C-alpha cells in the first residue's frame, strides 16, 4: 500500500490520479487497491499468502501474473518503470516503521489518523 502510494505521488504527472488515498490507521490507504487485488487474484495473476500466526498477508505473482507484468512493461514508459522499480526497492529495504516514518516525513497530512507508534 505504501509503495503504491509513493509511486502514485511521483507518477501523478504522467498518469494522473489513479487511486484516491486517504489518511488511515497506518498512513495512506486506498480501499480500491484491495478490490483490485481481489480482481487480480480472481484472474489468477496473484496469490495471497498469510504467514503463520500473522493477521496480515502479502501477495506474489503467479506465472500468469509474471507474463502479464512483462507484457505491460514492454508498453510502459521507461520513466514509469524506473519509478516503479525505485519505489519497490525502497519499500523492500525498509522496516514497516521506517517506511511509515519516511511517508509521514514526506507527506505529513497522511499521519493525521495514524495509530502506529513509531518511537
PDB file of N, CA and C in Angstrom:
ATOM      1  N   UNK A   1       0.823  -1.189   0.000  1.00  0.00           N
ATOM      2  CA  UNK A   1       0.000   0.000   0.000  1.00  0.00           C
ATOM      3  C   UNK A   1       0.874   1.262   0.000  1.00  0.00           C
ATOM      4  N   UNK A   2       1.885   1.267   0.890  1.00  0.00           N
ATOM      5  CA  UNK A   2       2.739   2.459   0.973  1.00  0.00           C
ATOM      6  C   UNK A   2       3.569   2.623  -0.297  1.00  0.00           C
ATOM      7  N   UNK A   3       4.028   1.527  -0.861  1.00  0.00           N
ATOM      8  CA  UNK A   3       4.782   1.593  -2.112  1.00  0.00           C
ATOM      9  C   UNK A   3       3.928   2.128  -3.240  1.00  0.00           C
ATOM     10  N   UNK A   4       2.686   1.685  -3.315  1.00  0.00           N
ATOM     11  CA  UNK A   4       1.788   2.179  -4.359  1.00  0.00           C
ATOM     12  C   UNK A   4       1.500   3.657  -4.138  1.00  0.00           C
ATOM     13  N   UNK A   5       1.349   4.065  -2.875  1.00  0.00           N
ATOM     14  CA  UNK A   5       1.129   5.480  -2.577  1.00  0.00           C
ATOM     15  C   UNK A   5       2.317   6.315  -3.061  1.00  0.00           C
ATOM     16  N   UNK A   6       3.529   5.906  -2.714  1.00  0.00           N
ATOM     17  CA  UNK A   6       4.715   6.661  -3.124  1.00  0.00           C
ATOM     18  C   UNK A   6       4.838   6.706  -4.646  1.00  0.00           C
ATOM     19  N   UNK A   7       4.584   5.577  -5.295  1.00  0.00           N
ATOM     20  CA  UNK A   7       4.614   5.539  -6.758  1.00  0.00           C
ATOM     21  C   UNK A   7       3.568   6.494  -7.334  1.00  0.00           C
ATOM     22  N   UNK A   8       2.360   6.455  -6.788  1.00  0.00           N
ATOM     23  CA  UNK A   8       1.277   7.305  -7.292  1.00  0.00           C
ATOM     24  C   UNK A   8       1.622   8.786  -7.148  1.00  0.00           C
ATOM     25  N   UNK A   9       2.266   9.143  -6.048  1.00  0.00           N
ATOM     26  CA  UNK A   9       2.638  10.542  -5.847  1.00  0.00           C
ATOM     27  C   UNK A   9       3.642  10.990  -6.908  1.00  0.00           C
ATOM     28  N   UNK A  10       4.599  10.142  -7.214  1.00  0.00           N
ATOM     29  CA  UNK A  10       5.636  10.511  -8.168  1.00  0.00           C
ATOM     30  C   UNK A  10       5.189  10.370  -9.624  1.00  0.00           C
ATOM     31  N   UNK A  11       4.245   9.480  -9.873  1.00  0.00           N
ATOM     32  CA  UNK A  11       3.806   9.232 -11.254  1.00  0.00           C
ATOM     33  C   UNK A  11       2.591  10.069 -11.637  1.00  0.00           C
ATOM     34  N   UNK A  12       2.073  10.855 -10.712  1.00  0.00           N
ATOM     35  CA  UNK A  12       0.842  11.607 -10.964  1.00  0.00           C
ATOM     36  C   UNK A  12       0.948  12.520 -12.179  1.00  0.00           C
ATOM     37  N   UNK A  13       2.126  13.086 -12.410  1.00  0.00           N
ATOM     38  CA  UNK A  13       2.268  13.987 -13.561  1.00  0.00           C
ATOM     39  C   UNK A  13       2.126  13.244 -14.890  1.00  0.00           C
ATOM     40  N   UNK A  14       2.424  11.939 -14.910  1.00  0.00           N
ATOM     41  CA  UNK A  14       2.277  11.150 -16.144  1.00  0.00           C
ATOM     42  C   UNK A  14       0.946  10.416 -16.219  1.00  0.00           C
ATOM     43  N   UNK A  15       0.480   9.934 -15.080  1.00  0.00           N
ATOM     44  CA  UNK A  15      -0.700   9.072 -15.075  1.00  0.00           C
ATOM     45  C   UNK A  15      -1.964   9.748 -14.559  1.00  0.00           C
ATOM     46  N   UNK A  16      -1.833  10.891 -13.920  1.00  0.00           N
ATOM     47  CA  UNK A  16      -2.976  11.478 -13.240  1.00  0.00           C
ATOM     48  C   UNK A  16      -3.224  10.715 -11.954  1.00  0.00           C
ATOM     49  N   UNK A  17      -4.293  11.026 -11.297  1.00  0.00           N
ATOM     50  CA  UNK A  17      -4.613  10.331 -10.043  1.00  0.00           C
ATOM     51  C   UNK A  17      -5.356   9.051 -10.383  1.00  0.00           C
ATOM     52  N   UNK A  18      -4.759   7.909 -10.048  1.00  0.00           N
ATOM     53  CA  UNK A  18      -5.421   6.647 -10.368  1.00  0.00           C
ATOM     54  C   UNK A  18      -5.915   5.914  -9.140  1.00  0.00           C
ATOM     55  N   UNK A  19      -5.499   6.321  -7.955  1.00  0.00           N
ATOM     56  CA  UNK A  19      -6.062   5.831  -6.697  1.00  0.00           C
ATOM     57  C   UNK A  19      -6.292   7.033  -5.797  1.00  0.00           C
ATOM     58  N   UNK A  20      -7.365   6.998  -5.056  1.00  0.00           N
ATOM     59  CA  UNK A  20      -7.673   8.058  -4.102  1.00  0.00           C
ATOM     60  C   UNK A  20      -7.212   7.585  -2.729  1.00  0.00           C
ATOM     61  N   UNK A  21      -6.117   8.157  -2.247  1.00  0.00           N
ATOM     62  CA  UNK A  21      -5.576   7.777  -0.945  1.00  0.00           C
ATOM     63  C   UNK A  21      -6.114   8.712   0.127  1.00  0.00           C
ATOM     64  N   UNK A  22      -6.358   8.139   1.286  1.00  0.00           N
ATOM     65  CA  UNK A  22      -6.799   8.924   2.430  1.00  0.00           C
ATOM     66  C   UNK A  22      -5.981   8.536   3.653  1.00  0.00           C
ATOM     67  N   UNK A  23      -5.859   9.458   4.614  1.00  0.00           N
ATOM     68  CA  UNK A  23      -5.161   9.108   5.853  1.00  0.00           C
ATOM     69  C   UNK A  23      -5.941   8.003   6.565  1.00  0.00           C
ATOM     70  N   UNK A  24      -5.217   6.996   7.036  1.00  0.00           N
ATOM     71  CA  UNK A  24      -5.880   5.902   7.740  1.00  0.00           C
ATOM     72  C   UNK A  24      -4.983   5.430   8.871  1.00  0.00           C
ATOM     73  N   UNK A  25      -5.312   4.315   9.478  1.00  0.00           N
ATOM     74  CA  UNK A  25      -4.626   3.863  10.685  1.00  0.00           C
ATOM     75  C   UNK A  25      -3.113   3.739  10.541  1.00  0.00           C
ATOM     76  N   UNK A  26      -2.651   3.289   9.414  1.00  0.00           N
ATOM     77  CA  UNK A  26      -1.214   3.138   9.186  1.00  0.00           C
ATOM     78  C   UNK A  26      -0.787   3.937   7.968  1.00  0.00           C
ATOM     79  N   UNK A  27      -1.232   5.173   7.904  1.00  0.00           N
ATOM     80  CA  UNK A  27      -0.834   6.051   6.813  1.00  0.00           C
ATOM     81  C   UNK A  27      -1.782   6.001   5.642  1.00  0.00           C
ATOM     82  N   UNK A  28      -1.279   6.379   4.459  1.00  0.00           N
ATOM     83  CA  UNK A  28      -2.143   6.465   3.286  1.00  0.00           C
ATOM     84  C   UNK A  28      -2.750   5.108   2.921  1.00  0.00           C
ATOM     85  N   UNK A  29      -4.036   5.153   2.595  1.00  0.00           N
ATOM     86  CA  UNK A  29      -4.737   3.925   2.235  1.00  0.00           C
ATOM     87  C   UNK A  29      -5.713   4.230   1.104  1.00  0.00           C
ATOM     88  N   UNK A  30      -5.792   3.320   0.151  1.00  0.00           N
ATOM     89  CA  UNK A  30      -6.801   3.376  -0.890  1.00  0.00           C
ATOM     90  C   UNK A  30      -7.528   2.037  -0.884  1.00  0.00           C
ATOM     91  N   UNK A  31      -8.783   2.070  -0.528  1.00  0.00           N
ATOM     92  CA  UNK A  31      -9.540   0.826  -0.455  1.00  0.00           C
ATOM     93  C   UNK A  31      -9.775   0.213  -1.830  1.00  0.00           C
ATOM     94  N   UNK A  32      -9.651   1.008  -2.893  1.00  0.00           N
ATOM     95  CA  UNK A  32      -9.759   0.492  -4.264  1.00  0.00           C
ATOM     96  C   UNK A  32      -8.653  -0.534  -4.535  1.00  0.00           C
ATOM     97  N   UNK A  33      -7.496  -0.346  -3.929  1.00  0.00           N
ATOM     98  CA  UNK A  33      -6.394  -1.296  -4.142  1.00  0.00           C
ATOM     99  C   UNK A  33      -6.810  -2.692  -3.698  1.00  0.00           C
ATOM    100  N   UNK A  34      -7.531  -2.797  -2.587  1.00  0.00           N
ATOM    101  CA  UNK A  34      -7.977  -4.116  -2.114  1.00  0.00           C
ATOM    102  C   UNK A  34      -8.931  -4.758  -3.125  1.00  0.00           C
ATOM    103  N   UNK A  35      -9.807  -3.960  -3.705  1.00  0.00           N
ATOM    104  CA  UNK A  35     -10.718  -4.504  -4.735  1.00  0.00           C
ATOM    105  C   UNK A  35      -9.927  -4.951  -5.964  1.00  0.00           C
ATOM    106  N   UNK A  36      -8.911  -4.165  -6.336  1.00  0.00           N
ATOM    107  CA  UNK A  36      -8.084  -4.547  -7.478  1.00  0.00           C
ATOM    108  C   UNK A  36      -7.300  -5.823  -7.180  1.00  0.00           C
ATOM    109  N   UNK A  37      -6.806  -5.965  -5.964  1.00  0.00           N
ATOM    110  CA  UNK A  37      -6.104  -7.205  -5.591  1.00  0.00           C
ATOM    111  C   UNK A  37      -7.047  -8.407  -5.652  1.00  0.00           C
ATOM    112  N   UNK A  38      -8.289  -8.225  -5.190  1.00  0.00           N
ATOM    113  CA  UNK A  38      -9.280  -9.299  -5.293  1.00  0.00           C
ATOM    114  C   UNK A  38      -9.484  -9.706  -6.751  1.00  0.00           C
ATOM    115  N   UNK A  39      -9.577  -8.714  -7.641  1.00  0.00           N
ATOM    116  CA  UNK A  39      -9.780  -8.998  -9.068  1.00  0.00           C
ATOM    117  C   UNK A  39      -8.558  -9.698  -9.659  1.00  0.00           C
ATOM    118  N   UNK A  40      -7.358  -9.240  -9.310  1.00  0.00           N
ATOM    119  CA  UNK A  40      -6.131  -9.893  -9.810  1.00  0.00           C
ATOM    120  C   UNK A  40      -6.035 -11.335  -9.329  1.00  0.00           C
ATOM    121  N   UNK A  41      -6.437 -11.553  -8.084  1.00  0.00           N
ATOM    122  CA  UNK A  41      -6.421 -12.916  -7.554  1.00  0.00           C
ATOM    123  C   UNK A  41      -7.459 -13.788  -8.267  1.00  0.00           C
ATOM    124  N   UNK A  42      -8.653 -13.252  -8.488  1.00  0.00           N
ATOM    125  CA  UNK A  42      -9.707 -13.995  -9.198  1.00  0.00           C
ATOM    126  C   UNK A  42      -9.286 -14.335 -10.622  1.00  0.00           C
ATOM    127  N   UNK A  43      -8.492 -13.463 -11.234  1.00  0.00           N
ATOM    128  CA  UNK A  43      -7.994 -13.696 -12.595  1.00  0.00           C
ATOM    129  C   UNK A  43      -6.767 -14.608 -12.630  1.00  0.00           C
ATOM    130  N   UNK A  44      -6.297 -15.034 -11.461  1.00  0.00           N
ATOM    131  CA  UNK A  44      -5.155 -15.940 -11.406  1.00  0.00           C
ATOM    132  C   UNK A  44      -3.809 -15.263 -11.631  1.00  0.00           C
ATOM    133  N   UNK A  45      -3.753 -13.935 -11.444  1.00  0.00           N
ATOM    134  CA  UNK A  45      -2.496 -13.209 -11.691  1.00  0.00           C
ATOM    135  C   UNK A  45      -1.644 -13.037 -10.432  1.00  0.00           C
ATOM    136  N   UNK A  46      -2.271 -13.115  -9.264  1.00  0.00           N
ATOM    137  CA  UNK A  46      -1.539 -13.064  -7.994  1.00  0.00           C
ATOM    138  C   UNK A  46      -2.094 -14.115  -7.056  1.00  0.00           C
ATOM    139  N   UNK A  47      -1.330 -14.396  -6.011  1.00  0.00           N
ATOM    140  CA  UNK A  47      -1.844 -15.218  -4.921  1.00  0.00           C
ATOM    141  C   UNK A  47      -1.475 -14.519  -3.620  1.00  0.00           C
ATOM    142  N   UNK A  48      -2.347 -14.652  -2.648  1.00  0.00           N
ATOM    143  CA  UNK A  48      -2.095 -14.073  -1.325  1.00  0.00           C
ATOM    144  C   UNK A  48      -1.539 -15.146  -0.421  1.00  0.00           C
ATOM    145  N   UNK A  49      -0.588 -14.731   0.407  1.00  0.00           N
ATOM    146  CA  UNK A  49      -0.001 -15.648   1.387  1.00  0.00           C
ATOM    147  C   UNK A  49      -0.048 -14.978   2.748  1.00  0.00           C
ATOM    148  N   UNK A  50      -0.456 -15.741   3.728  1.00  0.00           N
ATOM    149  CA  UNK A  50      -0.513 -15.216   5.092  1.00  0.00           C
ATOM    150  C   UNK A  50       0.463 -16.017   5.949  1.00  0.00           C
ATOM    151  N   UNK A  51       1.504 -15.345   6.438  1.00  0.00           N
ATOM    152  CA  UNK A  51       2.466 -16.050   7.292  1.00  0.00           C
ATOM    153  C   UNK A  51       1.767 -16.612   8.530  1.00  0.00           C
ATOM    154  N   UNK A  52       2.179 -17.773   8.954  1.00  0.00           N
ATOM    155  CA  UNK A  52       1.601 -18.422  10.121  1.00  0.00           C
ATOM    156  C   UNK A  52       1.638 -17.497  11.326  1.00  0.00           C
ATOM    157  N   UNK A  53       0.484 -17.380  11.974  1.00  0.00           N
ATOM    158  CA  UNK A  53       0.387 -16.573  13.185  1.00  0.00           C
ATOM    159  C   UNK A  53       0.266 -15.075  12.960  1.00  0.00           C
ATOM    160  N   UNK A  54       0.192 -14.635  11.705  1.00  0.00           N
ATOM    161  CA  UNK A  54       0.100 -13.204  11.405  1.00  0.00           C
ATOM    162  C   UNK A  54      -1.306 -12.844  10.930  1.00  0.00           C
ATOM    163  N   UNK A  55      -1.711 -11.604  11.166  1.00  0.00           N
ATOM    164  CA  UNK A  55      -3.004 -11.127  10.696  1.00  0.00           C
ATOM    165  C   UNK A  55      -2.915 -10.537   9.291  1.00  0.00           C
ATOM    166  N   UNK A  56      -1.717 -10.166   8.866  1.00  0.00           N
ATOM    167  CA  UNK A  56      -1.507  -9.546   7.559  1.00  0.00           C
ATOM    168  C   UNK A  56      -1.128 -10.611   6.533  1.00  0.00           C
ATOM    169  N   UNK A  57      -1.265 -10.251   5.283  1.00  0.00           N
ATOM    170  CA  UNK A  57      -0.862 -11.148   4.201  1.00  0.00           C
ATOM    171  C   UNK A  57      -0.067 -10.349   3.180  1.00  0.00           C
ATOM    172  N   UNK A  58       0.587 -11.050   2.303  1.00  0.00           N
ATOM    173  CA  UNK A  58       1.303 -10.411   1.207  1.00  0.00           C
ATOM    174  C   UNK A  58       0.892 -11.101  -0.083  1.00  0.00           C
ATOM    175  N   UNK A  59       1.214 -10.476  -1.181  1.00  0.00           N
ATOM    176  CA  UNK A  59       0.859 -11.052  -2.475  1.00  0.00           C
ATOM    177  C   UNK A  59       2.121 -11.360  -3.260  1.00  0.00           C
ATOM    178  N   UNK A  60       1.996 -12.339  -4.122  1.00  0.00           N
ATOM    179  CA  UNK A  60       3.073 -12.633  -5.060  1.00  0.00           C
ATOM    180  C   UNK A  60       2.436 -12.999  -6.392  1.00  0.00           C
ATOM    181  N   UNK A  61       3.147 -12.699  -7.471  1.00  0.00           N
ATOM    182  CA  UNK A  61       2.573 -13.002  -8.782  1.00  0.00           C
ATOM    183  C   UNK A  61       2.610 -14.504  -9.071  1.00  0.00           C
ATOM    184  N   UNK A  62       1.621 -14.966  -9.804  1.00  0.00           N
ATOM    185  CA  UNK A  62       1.650 -16.325 -10.334  1.00  0.00           C
ATOM    186  C   UNK A  62       2.479 -16.284 -11.617  1.00  0.00           C
ATOM    187  N   UNK A  63       2.697 -17.419 -12.240  1.00  0.00           N
ATOM    188  CA  UNK A  63       3.428 -17.410 -13.512  1.00  0.00           C
ATOM    189  C   UNK A  63       2.646 -16.608 -14.559  1.00  0.00           C
ATOM    190  N   UNK A  64       1.317 -16.706 -14.538  1.00  0.00           N
ATOM    191  CA  UNK A  64       0.489 -15.886 -15.436  1.00  0.00           C
ATOM    192  C   UNK A  64       0.686 -14.406 -15.132  1.00  0.00           C
ATOM    193  N   UNK A  65       0.787 -14.071 -13.864  1.00  0.00           N
ATOM    194  CA  UNK A  65       0.980 -12.688 -13.455  1.00  0.00           C
ATOM    195  C   UNK A  65       2.310 -12.131 -13.912  1.00  0.00           C
ATOM    196  N   UNK A  66       3.346 -12.960 -13.840  1.00  0.00           N
ATOM    197  CA  UNK A  66       4.674 -12.538 -14.314  1.00  0.00           C
ATOM    198  C   UNK A  66       4.623 -12.270 -15.816  1.00  0.00           C
ATOM    199  N   UNK A  67       3.960 -13.152 -16.550  1.00  0.00           N
ATOM    200  CA  UNK A  67       3.818 -12.952 -18.006  1.00  0.00           C
ATOM    201  C   UNK A  67       3.061 -11.667 -18.316  1.00  0.00           C
ATOM    202  N   UNK A  68       1.966 -11.426 -17.613  1.00  0.00           N
ATOM    203  CA  UNK A  68       1.168 -10.214 -17.838  1.00  0.00           C
ATOM    204  C   UNK A  68       1.974  -8.968 -17.485  1.00  0.00           C
ATOM    205  N   UNK A  69       2.707  -9.005 -16.385  1.00  0.00           N
ATOM    206  CA  UNK A  69       3.534  -7.858 -15.989  1.00  0.00           C
ATOM    207  C   UNK A  69       4.600  -7.576 -17.036  1.00  0.00           C
ATOM    208  N   UNK A  70       5.213  -8.612 -17.567  1.00  0.00           N
ATOM    209  CA  UNK A  70       6.221  -8.438 -18.617  1.00  0.00           C
ATOM    210  C   UNK A  70       5.610  -7.806 -19.865  1.00  0.00           C
ATOM    211  N   UNK A  71       4.430  -8.256 -20.213  1.00  0.00           N
ATOM    212  CA  UNK A  71       3.722  -7.698 -21.374  1.00  0.00           C
ATOM    213  C   UNK A  71       3.428  -6.206 -21.154  1.00  0.00           C
ATOM    214  N   UNK A  72       2.941  -5.857 -19.977  1.00  0.00           N
ATOM    215  CA  UNK A  72       2.635  -4.455 -19.670  1.00  0.00           C
ATOM    216  C   UNK A  72       3.902  -3.603 -19.621  1.00  0.00           C
ATOM    217  N   UNK A  73       4.988  -4.171 -19.118  1.00  0.00           N
ATOM    218  CA  UNK A  73       6.255  -3.434 -19.016  1.00  0.00           C
ATOM    219  C   UNK A  73       6.786  -3.052 -20.392  1.00  0.00           C
ATOM    220  N   UNK A  74       6.556  -3.907 -21.378  1.00  0.00           N
ATOM    221  CA  UNK A  74       7.040  -3.607 -22.730  1.00  0.00           C
ATOM    222  C   UNK A  74       6.379  -2.370 -23.325  1.00  0.00           C
ATOM    223  N   UNK A  75       5.170  -2.058 -22.872  1.00  0.00           N
ATOM    224  CA  UNK A  75       4.480  -0.892 -23.426  1.00  0.00           C
ATOM    225  C   UNK A  75       4.514   0.321 -22.501  1.00  0.00           C
ATOM    226  N   UNK A  76       5.125   0.193 -21.335  1.00  0.00           N
ATOM    227  CA  UNK A  76       5.188   1.305 -20.376  1.00  0.00           C
ATOM    228  C   UNK A  76       6.378   2.202 -20.673  1.00  0.00           C
ATOM    229  N   UNK A  77       6.294   3.433 -20.232  1.00  0.00           N
ATOM    230  CA  UNK A  77       7.408   4.364 -20.423  1.00  0.00           C
ATOM    231  C   UNK A  77       8.573   3.969 -19.515  1.00  0.00           C
ATOM    232  N   UNK A  78       9.756   4.256 -19.971  1.00  0.00           N
ATOM    233  CA  UNK A  78      10.966   3.971 -19.182  1.00  0.00           C
ATOM    234  C   UNK A  78      10.911   4.713 -17.860  1.00  0.00           C
ATOM    235  N   UNK A  79      10.426   5.945 -17.880  1.00  0.00           N
ATOM    236  CA  UNK A  79      10.339   6.736 -16.652  1.00  0.00           C
ATOM    237  C   UNK A  79       9.436   6.060 -15.623  1.00  0.00           C
ATOM    238  N   UNK A  80       8.259   5.585 -16.041  1.00  0.00           N
ATOM    239  CA  UNK A  80       7.347   4.925 -15.114  1.00  0.00           C
ATOM    240  C   UNK A  80       7.931   3.625 -14.584  1.00  0.00           C
ATOM    241  N   UNK A  81       8.577   2.866 -15.444  1.00  0.00           N
ATOM    242  CA  UNK A  81       9.204   1.626 -14.987  1.00  0.00           C
ATOM    243  C   UNK A  81      10.290   1.912 -13.958  1.00  0.00           C
ATOM    244  N   UNK A  82      11.100   2.940 -14.210  1.00  0.00           N
ATOM    245  CA  UNK A  82      12.152   3.301 -13.251  1.00  0.00           C
ATOM    246  C   UNK A  82      11.561   3.738 -11.917  1.00  0.00           C
ATOM    247  N   UNK A  83      10.499   4.542 -11.957  1.00  0.00           N
ATOM    248  CA  UNK A  83       9.837   4.953 -10.717  1.00  0.00           C
ATOM    249  C   UNK A  83       9.321   3.746  -9.940  1.00  0.00           C
ATOM    250  N   UNK A  84       8.703   2.821 -10.647  1.00  0.00           N
ATOM    251  CA  UNK A  84       8.147   1.634 -10.012  1.00  0.00           C
ATOM    252  C   UNK A  84       9.243   0.780  -9.386  1.00  0.00           C
ATOM    253  N   UNK A  85      10.311   0.555 -10.115  1.00  0.00           N
ATOM    254  CA  UNK A  85      11.439  -0.240  -9.598  1.00  0.00           C
ATOM    255  C   UNK A  85      12.054   0.452  -8.389  1.00  0.00           C
ATOM    256  N   UNK A  86      12.223   1.766  -8.458  1.00  0.00           N
ATOM    257  CA  UNK A  86      12.814   2.503  -7.339  1.00  0.00           C
ATOM    258  C   UNK A  86      11.932   2.447  -6.102  1.00  0.00           C
ATOM    259  N   UNK A  87      10.628   2.579  -6.275  1.00  0.00           N
ATOM    260  CA  UNK A  87       9.732   2.519  -5.117  1.00  0.00           C
ATOM    261  C   UNK A  87       9.697   1.125  -4.523  1.00  0.00           C
ATOM    262  N   UNK A  88       9.710   0.117  -5.370  1.00  0.00           N
ATOM    263  CA  UNK A  88       9.726  -1.263  -4.860  1.00  0.00           C
ATOM    264  C   UNK A  88      10.992  -1.518  -4.058  1.00  0.00           C
ATOM    265  N   UNK A  89      12.131  -1.041  -4.560  1.00  0.00           N
ATOM    266  CA  UNK A  89      13.401  -1.211  -3.858  1.00  0.00           C
ATOM    267  C   UNK A  89      13.385  -0.492  -2.514  1.00  0.00           C
ATOM    268  N   UNK A  90      12.850   0.717  -2.499  1.00  0.00           N
ATOM    269  CA  UNK A  90      12.765   1.467  -1.243  1.00  0.00           C
ATOM    270  C   UNK A  90      11.921   0.723  -0.220  1.00  0.00           C
ATOM    271  N   UNK A  91      10.737   0.318  -0.632  1.00  0.00           N
ATOM    272  CA  UNK A  91       9.821  -0.368   0.277  1.00  0.00           C
ATOM    273  C   UNK A  91      10.441  -1.661   0.803  1.00  0.00           C
ATOM    274  N   UNK A  92      11.089  -2.408  -0.074  1.00  0.00           N
ATOM    275  CA  UNK A  92      11.695  -3.683   0.332  1.00  0.00           C
ATOM    276  C   UNK A  92      12.884  -3.490   1.270  1.00  0.00           C
ATOM    277  N   UNK A  93      13.510  -2.325   1.217  1.00  0.00           N
ATOM    278  CA  UNK A  93      14.717  -2.098   2.022  1.00  0.00           C
ATOM    279  C   UNK A  93      14.420  -1.581   3.427  1.00  0.00           C
ATOM    280  N   UNK A  94      13.187  -1.197   3.699  1.00  0.00           N
ATOM    281  CA  UNK A  94      12.842  -0.578   4.977  1.00  0.00           C
ATOM    282  C   UNK A  94      11.927  -1.462   5.811  1.00  0.00           C
ATOM    283  N   UNK A  95      12.068  -1.363   7.122  1.00  0.00           N
ATOM    284  CA  UNK A  95      11.085  -1.987   8.005  1.00  0.00           C
ATOM    285  C   UNK A  95       9.777  -1.214   7.854  1.00  0.00           C
ATOM    286  N   UNK A  96       8.700  -1.793   8.344  1.00  0.00           N
ATOM    287  CA  UNK A  96       7.420  -1.106   8.238  1.00  0.00           C
ATOM    288  C   UNK A  96       7.455   0.234   8.971  1.00  0.00           C
ATOM    289  N   UNK A  97       8.040   0.264  10.156  1.00  0.00           N
ATOM    290  CA  UNK A  97       8.138   1.517  10.923  1.00  0.00           C
ATOM    291  C   UNK A  97       8.958   2.558  10.177  1.00  0.00           C
ATOM    292  N   UNK A  98      10.081   2.145   9.620  1.00  0.00           N
ATOM    293  CA  UNK A  98      10.924   3.083   8.874  1.00  0.00           C
ATOM    294  C   UNK A  98      10.196   3.586   7.625  1.00  0.00           C
ATOM    295  N   UNK A  99       9.448   2.721   6.975  1.00  0.00           N
ATOM    296  CA  UNK A  99       8.679   3.129   5.805  1.00  0.00           C
ATOM    297  C   UNK A  99       7.620   4.166   6.190  1.00  0.00           C
ATOM    298  N   UNK A 100       6.909   3.912   7.298  1.00  0.00           N
ATOM    299  CA  UNK A 100       5.915   4.885   7.742  1.00  0.00           C
ATOM    300  C   UNK A 100       6.561   6.219   8.105  1.00  0.00           C
ATOM    301  N   UNK A 101       7.694   6.182   8.787  1.00  0.00           N
ATOM    302  CA  UNK A 101       8.393   7.435   9.111  1.00  0.00           C
ATOM    303  C   UNK A 101       8.741   8.197   7.826  1.00  0.00           C
ATOM    304  N   UNK A 102       9.211   7.472   6.811  1.00  0.00           N
ATOM    305  CA  UNK A 102       9.552   8.080   5.523  1.00  0.00           C
ATOM    306  C   UNK A 102       8.316   8.738   4.900  1.00  0.00           C
ATOM    307  N   UNK A 103       7.214   8.019   4.868  1.00  0.00           N
ATOM    308  CA  UNK A 103       5.976   8.544   4.278  1.00  0.00           C
ATOM    309  C   UNK A 103       5.482   9.742   5.076  1.00  0.00           C
ATOM    310  N   UNK A 104       5.453   9.631   6.403  1.00  0.00           N
ATOM    311  CA  UNK A 104       4.936  10.721   7.238  1.00  0.00           C
ATOM    312  C   UNK A 104       5.822  11.965   7.143  1.00  0.00           C
ATOM    313  N   UNK A 105       7.122  11.778   7.000  1.00  0.00           N
ATOM    314  CA  UNK A 105       8.023  12.917   6.852  1.00  0.00           C
ATOM    315  C   UNK A 105       7.749  13.640   5.526  1.00  0.00           C
ATOM    316  N   UNK A 106       7.558  12.871   4.465  1.00  0.00           N
ATOM    317  CA  UNK A 106       7.342  13.463   3.137  1.00  0.00           C
ATOM    318  C   UNK A 106       5.913  13.953   2.926  1.00  0.00           C
ATOM    319  N   UNK A 107       4.954  13.284   3.559  1.00  0.00           N
ATOM    320  CA  UNK A 107       3.534  13.603   3.363  1.00  0.00           C
ATOM    321  C   UNK A 107       2.836  13.618   4.731  1.00  0.00           C
ATOM    322  N   UNK A 108       3.106  14.635   5.547  1.00  0.00           N
ATOM    323  CA  UNK A 108       2.630  14.646   6.939  1.00  0.00           C
ATOM    324  C   UNK A 108       1.115  14.604   7.095  1.00  0.00           C
ATOM    325  N   UNK A 109       0.361  15.066   6.132  1.00  0.00           N
ATOM    326  CA  UNK A 109      -1.100  15.023   6.274  1.00  0.00           C
ATOM    327  C   UNK A 109      -1.620  13.589   6.343  1.00  0.00           C
ATOM    328  N   UNK A 110      -0.854  12.633   5.841  1.00  0.00           N
ATOM    329  CA  UNK A 110      -1.303  11.237   5.864  1.00  0.00           C
ATOM    330  C   UNK A 110      -1.029  10.551   7.199  1.00  0.00           C
ATOM    331  N   UNK A 111      -0.472  11.286   8.158  1.00  0.00           N
ATOM    332  CA  UNK A 111      -0.266  10.767   9.506  1.00  0.00           C
ATOM    333  C   UNK A 111      -1.416  11.144  10.430  1.00  0.00           C
ATOM    334  N   UNK A 112      -2.364  11.915   9.936  1.00  0.00           N
ATOM    335  CA  UNK A 112      -3.399  12.501  10.796  1.00  0.00           C
ATOM    336  C   UNK A 112      -4.281  11.481  11.503  1.00  0.00           C
ATOM    337  N   UNK A 113      -4.461  10.289  10.971  1.00  0.00           N
ATOM    338  CA  UNK A 113      -5.311   9.268  11.595  1.00  0.00           C
ATOM    339  C   UNK A 113      -4.503   8.058  12.040  1.00  0.00           C
ATOM    340  N   UNK A 114      -3.206   8.196  12.088  1.00  0.00           N
ATOM    341  CA  UNK A 114      -2.344   7.061  12.388  1.00  0.00           C
ATOM    342  C   UNK A 114      -2.525   6.551  13.816  1.00  0.00           C
ATOM    343  N   UNK A 115      -2.514   5.230  13.954  1.00  0.00           N
ATOM    344  CA  UNK A 115      -2.498   4.595  15.270  1.00  0.00           C
ATOM    345  C   UNK A 115      -1.149   3.934  15.515  1.00  0.00           C
ATOM    346  N   UNK A 116      -0.227   4.133  14.577  1.00  0.00           N
ATOM    347  CA  UNK A 116       1.084   3.499  14.658  1.00  0.00           C
ATOM    348  C   UNK A 116       1.967   4.235  15.665  1.00  0.00           C
ATOM    349  N   UNK A 117       2.652   3.464  16.483  1.00  0.00           N
ATOM    350  CA  UNK A 117       3.660   4.015  17.380  1.00  0.00           C
ATOM    351  C   UNK A 117       5.013   3.875  16.693  1.00  0.00           C
ATOM    352  N   UNK A 118       5.654   4.993  16.396  1.00  0.00           N
ATOM    353  CA  UNK A 118       6.896   4.967  15.620  1.00  0.00           C
ATOM    354  C   UNK A 118       8.095   5.353  16.455  1.00  0.00           C
ATOM    355  N   UNK A 119       8.010   5.215  17.753  1.00  0.00           N
ATOM    356  CA  UNK A 119       9.142   5.612  18.597  1.00  0.00           C
ATOM    357  C   UNK A 119      10.254   4.610  18.601  1.00  0.00           C
TER     358      UNK A 119
END
